[in-house]
């Protein structure tokens, strides 16, 4: 028989670890998260203020600013169809 683990730093006093409820897996599969659509490299000239905006936002969220612009265009295109 395995030794029972006692967590001294339990954030919920009075709640035993073995009383927790297991929930169904609701997360998407890894391949559903991957952006599999083929990319085409383009050259585009944008306003400096627009690029500054996207760079600030990208820094806030820790993502590449080009990806934010690409996702914005993709969402626009998907709604316009």
PDB file of N, CA and C in Angstrom:
ATOM      1  N   UNK A   1       0.843  -1.186   0.000  1.00  0.00           N
ATOM      2  CA  UNK A   1       0.000   0.000   0.000  1.00  0.00           C
ATOM      3  C   UNK A   1       0.885   1.246   0.000  1.00  0.00           C
ATOM      4  N   UNK A   2       0.538   2.209  -0.852  1.00  0.00           N
ATOM      5  CA  UNK A   2       1.322   3.437  -0.945  1.00  0.00           C
ATOM      6  C   UNK A   2       1.043   4.342   0.253  1.00  0.00           C
ATOM      7  N   UNK A   3       2.069   5.075   0.620  1.00  0.00           N
ATOM      8  CA  UNK A   3       1.936   6.032   1.708  1.00  0.00           C
ATOM      9  C   UNK A   3       1.064   7.198   1.255  1.00  0.00           C
ATOM     10  N   UNK A   4       0.127   7.610   2.063  1.00  0.00           N
ATOM     11  CA  UNK A   4      -0.760   8.733   1.740  1.00  0.00           C
ATOM     12  C   UNK A   4       0.030  10.042   1.797  1.00  0.00           C
ATOM     13  N   UNK A   5      -0.149  10.894   0.794  1.00  0.00           N
ATOM     14  CA  UNK A   5       0.534  12.180   0.736  1.00  0.00           C
ATOM     15  C   UNK A   5      -0.324  13.215   1.451  1.00  0.00           C
ATOM     16  N   UNK A   6       0.279  13.956   2.338  1.00  0.00           N
ATOM     17  CA  UNK A   6      -0.412  15.023   3.048  1.00  0.00           C
ATOM     18  C   UNK A   6       0.171  16.345   2.555  1.00  0.00           C
ATOM     19  N   UNK A   7      -0.664  17.192   1.988  1.00  0.00           N
ATOM     20  CA  UNK A   7      -0.232  18.491   1.485  1.00  0.00           C
ATOM     21  C   UNK A   7      -0.401  19.525   2.588  1.00  0.00           C
ATOM     22  N   UNK A   8       0.724  20.036   3.037  1.00  0.00           N
ATOM     23  CA  UNK A   8       0.702  21.006   4.132  1.00  0.00           C
ATOM     24  C   UNK A   8       0.227  22.384   3.671  1.00  0.00           C
ATOM     25  N   UNK A   9       0.438  22.695   2.382  1.00  0.00           N
ATOM     26  CA  UNK A   9       0.097  24.020   1.874  1.00  0.00           C
ATOM     27  C   UNK A   9      -1.210  24.003   1.084  1.00  0.00           C
ATOM     28  N   UNK A  10      -2.158  23.194   1.512  1.00  0.00           N
ATOM     29  CA  UNK A  10      -3.456  23.089   0.837  1.00  0.00           C
ATOM     30  C   UNK A  10      -4.139  24.461   0.847  1.00  0.00           C
ATOM     31  N   UNK A  11      -4.457  25.017  -0.330  1.00  0.00           N
ATOM     32  CA  UNK A  11      -5.089  26.342  -0.365  1.00  0.00           C
ATOM     33  C   UNK A  11      -6.543  26.321   0.103  1.00  0.00           C
ATOM     34  N   UNK A  12      -7.136  25.137   0.220  1.00  0.00           N
ATOM     35  CA  UNK A  12      -8.522  25.009   0.667  1.00  0.00           C
ATOM     36  C   UNK A  12      -8.574  24.186   1.943  1.00  0.00           C
ATOM     37  N   UNK A  13      -8.354  24.821   3.072  1.00  0.00           N
ATOM     38  CA  UNK A  13      -8.354  24.066   4.330  1.00  0.00           C
ATOM     39  C   UNK A  13      -9.671  23.311   4.508  1.00  0.00           C
ATOM     40  N   UNK A  14      -9.566  22.101   4.979  1.00  0.00           N
ATOM     41  CA  UNK A  14     -10.743  21.287   5.220  1.00  0.00           C
ATOM     42  C   UNK A  14     -11.165  20.461   4.024  1.00  0.00           C
ATOM     43  N   UNK A  15     -10.590  20.714   2.852  1.00  0.00           N
ATOM     44  CA  UNK A  15     -10.919  19.955   1.650  1.00  0.00           C
ATOM     45  C   UNK A  15      -9.829  18.916   1.433  1.00  0.00           C
ATOM     46  N   UNK A  16     -10.226  17.651   1.409  1.00  0.00           N
ATOM     47  CA  UNK A  16      -9.253  16.596   1.177  1.00  0.00           C
ATOM     48  C   UNK A  16      -9.046  16.430  -0.321  1.00  0.00           C
ATOM     49  N   UNK A  17      -7.827  16.128  -0.697  1.00  0.00           N
ATOM     50  CA  UNK A  17      -7.487  15.953  -2.114  1.00  0.00           C
ATOM     51  C   UNK A  17      -8.319  14.842  -2.737  1.00  0.00           C
ATOM     52  N   UNK A  18      -8.616  13.790  -1.997  1.00  0.00           N
ATOM     53  CA  UNK A  18      -9.366  12.675  -2.561  1.00  0.00           C
ATOM     54  C   UNK A  18     -10.855  12.973  -2.732  1.00  0.00           C
ATOM     55  N   UNK A  19     -11.311  14.158  -2.347  1.00  0.00           N
ATOM     56  CA  UNK A  19     -12.717  14.550  -2.536  1.00  0.00           C
ATOM     57  C   UNK A  19     -12.932  15.346  -3.817  1.00  0.00           C
ATOM     58  N   UNK A  20     -11.872  15.532  -4.604  1.00  0.00           N
ATOM     59  CA  UNK A  20     -11.992  16.323  -5.819  1.00  0.00           C
ATOM     60  C   UNK A  20     -12.720  15.549  -6.908  1.00  0.00           C
ATOM     61  N   UNK A  21     -13.400  16.256  -7.776  1.00  0.00           N
ATOM     62  CA  UNK A  21     -14.159  15.648  -8.859  1.00  0.00           C
ATOM     63  C   UNK A  21     -13.346  15.718 -10.154  1.00  0.00           C
ATOM     64  N   UNK A  22     -13.270  14.623 -10.868  1.00  0.00           N
ATOM     65  CA  UNK A  22     -12.587  14.584 -12.162  1.00  0.00           C
ATOM     66  C   UNK A  22     -13.584  15.048 -13.221  1.00  0.00           C
ATOM     67  N   UNK A  23     -13.153  16.004 -14.055  1.00  0.00           N
ATOM     68  CA  UNK A  23     -14.043  16.495 -15.107  1.00  0.00           C
ATOM     69  C   UNK A  23     -13.599  15.930 -16.450  1.00  0.00           C
ATOM     70  N   UNK A  24     -14.530  15.874 -17.378  1.00  0.00           N
ATOM     71  CA  UNK A  24     -14.224  15.388 -18.719  1.00  0.00           C
ATOM     72  C   UNK A  24     -13.216  16.299 -19.396  1.00  0.00           C
ATOM     73  N   UNK A  25     -12.420  15.724 -20.276  1.00  0.00           N
ATOM     74  CA  UNK A  25     -11.443  16.492 -21.031  1.00  0.00           C
ATOM     75  C   UNK A  25     -12.179  17.359 -22.043  1.00  0.00           C
ATOM     76  N   UNK A  26     -12.071  18.672 -21.897  1.00  0.00           N
ATOM     77  CA  UNK A  26     -12.768  19.598 -22.785  1.00  0.00           C
ATOM     78  C   UNK A  26     -11.803  20.371 -23.682  1.00  0.00           C
ATOM     79  N   UNK A  27     -10.503  20.136 -23.495  1.00  0.00           N
ATOM     80  CA  UNK A  27      -9.524  20.876 -24.273  1.00  0.00           C
ATOM     81  C   UNK A  27      -9.463  20.361 -25.705  1.00  0.00           C
ATOM     82  N   UNK A  28      -9.197  21.249 -26.653  1.00  0.00           N
ATOM     83  CA  UNK A  28      -9.066  20.800 -28.042  1.00  0.00           C
ATOM     84  C   UNK A  28      -7.819  19.945 -28.217  1.00  0.00           C
ATOM     85  N   UNK A  29      -7.845  19.098 -29.217  1.00  0.00           N
ATOM     86  CA  UNK A  29      -6.694  18.260 -29.532  1.00  0.00           C
ATOM     87  C   UNK A  29      -5.570  19.154 -30.066  1.00  0.00           C
ATOM     88  N   UNK A  30      -4.301  18.758 -29.885  1.00  0.00           N
ATOM     89  CA  UNK A  30      -3.192  19.601 -30.349  1.00  0.00           C
ATOM     90  C   UNK A  30      -3.285  19.959 -31.824  1.00  0.00           C
ATOM     91  N   UNK A  31      -3.708  19.026 -32.665  1.00  0.00           N
ATOM     92  CA  UNK A  31      -3.796  19.327 -34.095  1.00  0.00           C
ATOM     93  C   UNK A  31      -4.920  20.318 -34.399  1.00  0.00           C
ATOM     94  N   UNK A  32      -5.876  20.452 -33.489  1.00  0.00           N
ATOM     95  CA  UNK A  32      -6.922  21.455 -33.676  1.00  0.00           C
ATOM     96  C   UNK A  32      -6.409  22.858 -33.356  1.00  0.00           C
ATOM     97  N   UNK A  33      -5.332  22.935 -32.592  1.00  0.00           N
ATOM     98  CA  UNK A  33      -4.749  24.226 -32.240  1.00  0.00           C
ATOM     99  C   UNK A  33      -3.745  24.709 -33.281  1.00  0.00           C
ATOM    100  N   UNK A  34      -3.186  23.787 -34.019  1.00  0.00           N
ATOM    101  CA  UNK A  34      -2.177  24.150 -35.012  1.00  0.00           C
ATOM    102  C   UNK A  34      -2.841  24.847 -36.193  1.00  0.00           C
ATOM    103  N   UNK A  35      -2.232  25.915 -36.625  1.00  0.00           N
ATOM    104  CA  UNK A  35      -2.731  26.647 -37.787  1.00  0.00           C
ATOM    105  C   UNK A  35      -2.153  25.983 -39.025  1.00  0.00           C
ATOM    106  N   UNK A  36      -2.926  25.093 -39.633  1.00  0.00           N
ATOM    107  CA  UNK A  36      -2.430  24.265 -40.720  1.00  0.00           C
ATOM    108  C   UNK A  36      -2.610  24.906 -42.103  1.00  0.00           C
ATOM    109  N   UNK A  37      -3.303  26.022 -42.153  1.00  0.00           N
ATOM    110  CA  UNK A  37      -3.555  26.636 -43.447  1.00  0.00           C
ATOM    111  C   UNK A  37      -2.255  27.147 -44.066  1.00  0.00           C
ATOM    112  N   UNK A  38      -2.112  26.943 -45.347  1.00  0.00           N
ATOM    113  CA  UNK A  38      -0.916  27.375 -46.065  1.00  0.00           C
ATOM    114  C   UNK A  38      -0.799  28.903 -46.010  1.00  0.00           C
ATOM    115  N   UNK A  39       0.404  29.363 -45.769  1.00  0.00           N
ATOM    116  CA  UNK A  39       0.674  30.797 -45.707  1.00  0.00           C
ATOM    117  C   UNK A  39       1.309  31.253 -47.013  1.00  0.00           C
ATOM    118  N   UNK A  40       0.989  32.482 -47.413  1.00  0.00           N
ATOM    119  CA  UNK A  40       1.575  33.094 -48.599  1.00  0.00           C
ATOM    120  C   UNK A  40       2.230  34.390 -48.147  1.00  0.00           C
ATOM    121  N   UNK A  41       3.489  34.542 -48.437  1.00  0.00           N
ATOM    122  CA  UNK A  41       4.220  35.740 -48.041  1.00  0.00           C
ATOM    123  C   UNK A  41       3.861  36.882 -48.989  1.00  0.00           C
ATOM    124  N   UNK A  42       3.516  38.040 -48.405  1.00  0.00           N
ATOM    125  CA  UNK A  42       3.182  39.226 -49.203  1.00  0.00           C
ATOM    126  C   UNK A  42       3.950  40.420 -48.654  1.00  0.00           C
ATOM    127  N   UNK A  43       4.059  41.437 -49.463  1.00  0.00           N
ATOM    128  CA  UNK A  43       4.634  42.701 -49.028  1.00  0.00           C
ATOM    129  C   UNK A  43       3.504  43.715 -49.015  1.00  0.00           C
ATOM    130  N   UNK A  44       3.370  44.419 -47.903  1.00  0.00           N
ATOM    131  CA  UNK A  44       2.291  45.392 -47.762  1.00  0.00           C
ATOM    132  C   UNK A  44       2.836  46.632 -47.038  1.00  0.00           C
ATOM    133  N   UNK A  45       2.374  47.783 -47.444  1.00  0.00           N
ATOM    134  CA  UNK A  45       2.771  49.026 -46.789  1.00  0.00           C
ATOM    135  C   UNK A  45       1.614  49.480 -45.912  1.00  0.00           C
ATOM    136  N   UNK A  46       1.904  49.649 -44.620  1.00  0.00           N
ATOM    137  CA  UNK A  46       0.883  50.049 -43.653  1.00  0.00           C
ATOM    138  C   UNK A  46       1.282  51.363 -42.997  1.00  0.00           C
ATOM    139  N   UNK A  47       0.328  52.040 -42.397  1.00  0.00           N
ATOM    140  CA  UNK A  47       0.612  53.280 -41.679  1.00  0.00           C
ATOM    141  C   UNK A  47       1.469  52.975 -40.454  1.00  0.00           C
ATOM    142  N   UNK A  48       2.391  53.878 -40.172  1.00  0.00           N
ATOM    143  CA  UNK A  48       3.274  53.716 -39.021  1.00  0.00           C
ATOM    144  C   UNK A  48       2.471  53.589 -37.726  1.00  0.00           C
ATOM    145  N   UNK A  49       1.404  54.367 -37.601  1.00  0.00           N
ATOM    146  CA  UNK A  49       0.587  54.319 -36.383  1.00  0.00           C
ATOM    147  C   UNK A  49      -0.080  52.952 -36.209  1.00  0.00           C
ATOM    148  N   UNK A  50      -0.475  52.331 -37.308  1.00  0.00           N
ATOM    149  CA  UNK A  50      -1.080  51.000 -37.228  1.00  0.00           C
ATOM    150  C   UNK A  50      -0.066  49.974 -36.728  1.00  0.00           C
ATOM    151  N   UNK A  51       1.134  50.026 -37.272  1.00  0.00           N
ATOM    152  CA  UNK A  51       2.183  49.090 -36.863  1.00  0.00           C
ATOM    153  C   UNK A  51       2.539  49.298 -35.400  1.00  0.00           C
ATOM    154  N   UNK A  52       2.643  50.551 -34.962  1.00  0.00           N
ATOM    155  CA  UNK A  52       2.931  50.831 -33.552  1.00  0.00           C
ATOM    156  C   UNK A  52       1.843  50.246 -32.649  1.00  0.00           C
ATOM    157  N   UNK A  53       0.584  50.403 -33.070  1.00  0.00           N
ATOM    158  CA  UNK A  53      -0.527  49.837 -32.300  1.00  0.00           C
ATOM    159  C   UNK A  53      -0.366  48.327 -32.154  1.00  0.00           C
ATOM    160  N   UNK A  54      -0.154  47.628 -33.267  1.00  0.00           N
ATOM    161  CA  UNK A  54      -0.045  46.169 -33.222  1.00  0.00           C
ATOM    162  C   UNK A  54       1.183  45.722 -32.430  1.00  0.00           C
ATOM    163  N   UNK A  55       2.275  46.436 -32.527  1.00  0.00           N
ATOM    164  CA  UNK A  55       3.471  46.079 -31.766  1.00  0.00           C
ATOM    165  C   UNK A  55       3.225  46.242 -30.265  1.00  0.00           C
ATOM    166  N   UNK A  56       2.530  47.314 -29.874  1.00  0.00           N
ATOM    167  CA  UNK A  56       2.207  47.503 -28.449  1.00  0.00           C
ATOM    168  C   UNK A  56       1.312  46.375 -27.939  1.00  0.00           C
ATOM    169  N   UNK A  57       0.277  46.067 -28.721  1.00  0.00           N
ATOM    170  CA  UNK A  57      -0.649  45.010 -28.313  1.00  0.00           C
ATOM    171  C   UNK A  57       0.059  43.650 -28.266  1.00  0.00           C
ATOM    172  N   UNK A  58       0.889  43.375 -29.242  1.00  0.00           N
ATOM    173  CA  UNK A  58       1.608  42.106 -29.302  1.00  0.00           C
ATOM    174  C   UNK A  58       2.534  41.959 -28.095  1.00  0.00           C
ATOM    175  N   UNK A  59       3.187  43.040 -27.714  1.00  0.00           N
ATOM    176  CA  UNK A  59       4.070  42.997 -26.546  1.00  0.00           C
ATOM    177  C   UNK A  59       3.270  42.688 -25.285  1.00  0.00           C
ATOM    178  N   UNK A  60       2.089  43.291 -25.171  1.00  0.00           N
ATOM    179  CA  UNK A  60       1.219  43.057 -24.021  1.00  0.00           C
ATOM    180  C   UNK A  60       0.834  41.590 -23.887  1.00  0.00           C
ATOM    181  N   UNK A  61       0.547  40.952 -25.025  1.00  0.00           N
ATOM    182  CA  UNK A  61       0.046  39.579 -25.021  1.00  0.00           C
ATOM    183  C   UNK A  61       1.113  38.540 -25.350  1.00  0.00           C
ATOM    184  N   UNK A  62       2.349  38.985 -25.562  1.00  0.00           N
ATOM    185  CA  UNK A  62       3.442  38.054 -25.810  1.00  0.00           C
ATOM    186  C   UNK A  62       3.292  37.248 -27.086  1.00  0.00           C
ATOM    187  N   UNK A  63       2.907  37.910 -28.149  1.00  0.00           N
ATOM    188  CA  UNK A  63       2.717  37.240 -29.435  1.00  0.00           C
ATOM    189  C   UNK A  63       3.323  38.093 -30.547  1.00  0.00           C
ATOM    190  N   UNK A  64       3.661  37.528 -31.677  1.00  0.00           N
ATOM    191  CA  UNK A  64       4.194  38.338 -32.782  1.00  0.00           C
ATOM    192  C   UNK A  64       3.124  39.272 -33.365  1.00  0.00           C
ATOM    193  N   UNK A  65       3.529  40.493 -33.652  1.00  0.00           N
ATOM    194  CA  UNK A  65       2.552  41.449 -34.183  1.00  0.00           C
ATOM    195  C   UNK A  65       2.061  41.038 -35.567  1.00  0.00           C
ATOM    196  N   UNK A  66       2.927  40.362 -36.343  1.00  0.00           N
ATOM    197  CA  UNK A  66       2.502  39.914 -37.674  1.00  0.00           C
ATOM    198  C   UNK A  66       1.367  38.894 -37.561  1.00  0.00           C
ATOM    199  N   UNK A  67       1.436  38.037 -36.542  1.00  0.00           N
ATOM    200  CA  UNK A  67       0.383  37.042 -36.329  1.00  0.00           C
ATOM    201  C   UNK A  67      -0.940  37.721 -35.982  1.00  0.00           C
ATOM    202  N   UNK A  68      -0.871  38.798 -35.212  1.00  0.00           N
ATOM    203  CA  UNK A  68      -2.099  39.528 -34.864  1.00  0.00           C
ATOM    204  C   UNK A  68      -2.734  40.132 -36.118  1.00  0.00           C
ATOM    205  N   UNK A  69      -1.913  40.716 -36.966  1.00  0.00           N
ATOM    206  CA  UNK A  69      -2.426  41.307 -38.208  1.00  0.00           C
ATOM    207  C   UNK A  69      -3.005  40.209 -39.096  1.00  0.00           C
ATOM    208  N   UNK A  70      -2.299  39.077 -39.208  1.00  0.00           N
ATOM    209  CA  UNK A  70      -2.776  37.955 -40.024  1.00  0.00           C
ATOM    210  C   UNK A  70      -4.124  37.436 -39.496  1.00  0.00           C
ATOM    211  N   UNK A  71      -4.239  37.287 -38.180  1.00  0.00           N
ATOM    212  CA  UNK A  71      -5.494  36.803 -37.598  1.00  0.00           C
ATOM    213  C   UNK A  71      -6.635  37.793 -37.799  1.00  0.00           C
ATOM    214  N   UNK A  72      -6.329  39.078 -37.704  1.00  0.00           N
ATOM    215  CA  UNK A  72      -7.345  40.103 -37.952  1.00  0.00           C
ATOM    216  C   UNK A  72      -7.872  40.010 -39.383  1.00  0.00           C
ATOM    217  N   UNK A  73      -6.956  39.902 -40.337  1.00  0.00           N
ATOM    218  CA  UNK A  73      -7.356  39.788 -41.739  1.00  0.00           C
ATOM    219  C   UNK A  73      -8.140  38.506 -41.990  1.00  0.00           C
ATOM    220  N   UNK A  74      -7.718  37.409 -41.357  1.00  0.00           N
ATOM    221  CA  UNK A  74      -8.415  36.136 -41.522  1.00  0.00           C
ATOM    222  C   UNK A  74      -9.843  36.210 -40.985  1.00  0.00           C
ATOM    223  N   UNK A  75     -10.015  36.822 -39.825  1.00  0.00           N
ATOM    224  CA  UNK A  75     -11.365  36.959 -39.251  1.00  0.00           C
ATOM    225  C   UNK A  75     -12.244  37.849 -40.109  1.00  0.00           C
ATOM    226  N   UNK A  76     -11.666  38.916 -40.636  1.00  0.00           N
ATOM    227  CA  UNK A  76     -12.423  39.791 -41.537  1.00  0.00           C
ATOM    228  C   UNK A  76     -12.861  39.031 -42.781  1.00  0.00           C
ATOM    229  N   UNK A  77     -11.925  38.301 -43.379  1.00  0.00           N
ATOM    230  CA  UNK A  77     -12.224  37.545 -44.601  1.00  0.00           C
ATOM    231  C   UNK A  77     -13.285  36.476 -44.353  1.00  0.00           C
ATOM    232  N   UNK A  78     -13.207  35.826 -43.196  1.00  0.00           N
ATOM    233  CA  UNK A  78     -14.171  34.766 -42.883  1.00  0.00           C
ATOM    234  C   UNK A  78     -15.581  35.335 -42.733  1.00  0.00           C
ATOM    235  N   UNK A  79     -15.714  36.532 -42.180  1.00  0.00           N
ATOM    236  CA  UNK A  79     -17.036  37.139 -42.016  1.00  0.00           C
ATOM    237  C   UNK A  79     -17.573  37.736 -43.308  1.00  0.00           C
ATOM    238  N   UNK A  80     -16.658  38.132 -44.177  1.00  0.00           N
ATOM    239  CA  UNK A  80     -17.077  38.776 -45.426  1.00  0.00           C
ATOM    240  C   UNK A  80     -17.585  37.765 -46.450  1.00  0.00           C
ATOM    241  N   UNK A  81     -17.261  36.488 -46.271  1.00  0.00           N
ATOM    242  CA  UNK A  81     -17.678  35.486 -47.256  1.00  0.00           C
ATOM    243  C   UNK A  81     -19.161  35.210 -47.201  1.00  0.00           C
TER     244      UNK A  81
END
